[in-house]
Amino acid sequence: MALLRFAPTQGRGLILTRDPLYPNGLVVFSSLGMGPHFPQGRVVTDGTVLGLARPFREAAPLPTLSWSLVTASAVPSSLRVPIRH
């Protein structure tokens, strides 16, 4: 299934898919921050949305990171300060 995305601003958008039953529109697969007007399964025919919908890019996996633990004994006593929460 080919997915398209429409994101008018950061934190808001639609993930859309094509359906042969609706050749003049796209079907909402998922929405975030777009309100109740774009439930899953709704057919979108708005020219603005259709014109700005772009291919969906999957997120690339994060690189593997290594972590090390710094213990209190590794910090000189002259640099230690109380931690306030």
Protein backbone atom coordinates (compact mmCIF):
# COMPACT_ATOMS: atom_id res chain seq x y z
CA MET A 1 0.00 0.00 0.00
CA ALA A 2 1.48 3.34 -1.05
CA LEU A 3 1.08 6.02 1.61
CA LEU A 4 1.07 9.77 1.10
CA ARG A 5 1.43 12.47 3.74
CA PHE A 6 -0.04 15.92 4.08
CA ALA A 7 1.42 18.09 6.86
CA PRO A 8 0.22 21.72 6.91
CA THR A 9 2.27 22.48 10.04
CA GLN A 10 4.56 20.66 12.44
CA GLY A 11 2.61 18.35 14.71
CA ARG A 12 -0.42 18.15 12.40
CA GLY A 13 -1.10 16.06 9.37
CA LEU A 14 -2.70 13.23 7.48
CA ILE A 15 -1.44 9.91 6.20
CA LEU A 16 -3.42 9.11 3.06
CA THR A 17 -3.74 6.16 0.71
CA ARG A 18 -5.13 5.69 -2.78
CA ASP A 19 -8.20 3.55 -3.30
CA PRO A 20 -9.34 2.53 -6.79
CA LEU A 21 -12.96 3.03 -5.66
CA TYR A 22 -12.26 6.77 -5.28
CA PRO A 23 -10.18 7.86 -8.30
CA ASN A 24 -10.67 11.58 -7.53
CA GLY A 25 -9.68 11.45 -3.89
CA LEU A 26 -7.49 9.95 -1.20
CA VAL A 27 -8.59 7.96 1.83
CA VAL A 28 -7.49 8.97 5.34
CA PHE A 29 -5.34 6.21 6.82
CA SER A 30 -4.38 8.17 9.94
CA SER A 31 -4.53 11.74 11.22
CA LEU A 32 -2.80 13.71 13.95
CA GLY A 33 -3.96 17.06 15.28
CA MET A 34 -6.42 17.65 12.44
CA GLY A 35 -9.57 17.56 14.56
CA PRO A 36 -12.70 15.45 14.08
CA HIS A 37 -13.05 16.36 10.39
CA PHE A 38 -10.56 13.70 9.22
CA PRO A 39 -11.54 10.33 10.74
CA GLN A 40 -9.96 7.15 9.43
CA GLY A 41 -11.64 6.06 6.20
CA ARG A 42 -12.86 9.51 5.13
CA VAL A 43 -12.37 10.28 1.43
CA VAL A 44 -10.57 13.60 0.93
CA THR A 45 -11.23 15.44 -2.34
CA ASP A 46 -9.99 18.90 -1.29
CA GLY A 47 -7.67 20.21 -4.01
CA THR A 48 -5.28 21.76 -1.48
CA VAL A 49 -4.74 18.48 0.33
CA LEU A 50 -4.47 16.49 -2.89
CA GLY A 51 -2.04 19.00 -4.40
CA LEU A 52 0.27 19.06 -1.37
CA ALA A 53 0.21 15.35 -0.48
CA ARG A 54 3.71 13.92 -0.84
CA PRO A 55 5.15 10.40 -0.75
CA PHE A 56 5.47 9.09 2.78
CA ARG A 57 9.01 8.58 4.05
CA GLU A 58 9.53 5.98 6.69
CA ALA A 59 11.70 7.06 9.57
CA ALA A 60 15.26 5.79 9.39
CA PRO A 61 16.37 3.73 12.39
CA LEU A 62 18.52 5.56 14.89
CA PRO A 63 22.20 4.67 14.88
CA THR A 64 23.38 2.32 17.58
CA LEU A 65 24.79 4.29 20.48
CA SER A 66 27.03 3.13 23.26
CA TRP A 67 26.54 4.40 26.75
CA SER A 68 28.91 4.55 29.65
CA LEU A 69 28.15 5.00 33.28
CA VAL A 70 29.91 7.76 35.15
CA THR A 71 30.03 7.02 38.83
CA ALA A 72 30.53 9.52 41.62
CA SER A 73 34.03 8.20 42.20
CA ALA A 74 34.98 9.26 38.66
CA VAL A 75 34.23 12.91 39.49
CA PRO A 76 36.70 14.73 41.73
CA SER A 77 35.19 15.73 45.07
CA SER A 78 35.97 19.40 44.29
CA LEU A 79 33.46 19.26 41.37
CA ARG A 80 30.68 17.40 43.18
CA VAL A 81 27.62 19.46 43.99
CA PRO A 82 24.37 18.36 45.57
CA ILE A 83 21.62 17.50 43.09
CA ARG A 84 18.40 19.37 43.75
CA HIS A 85 15.17 17.94 42.38
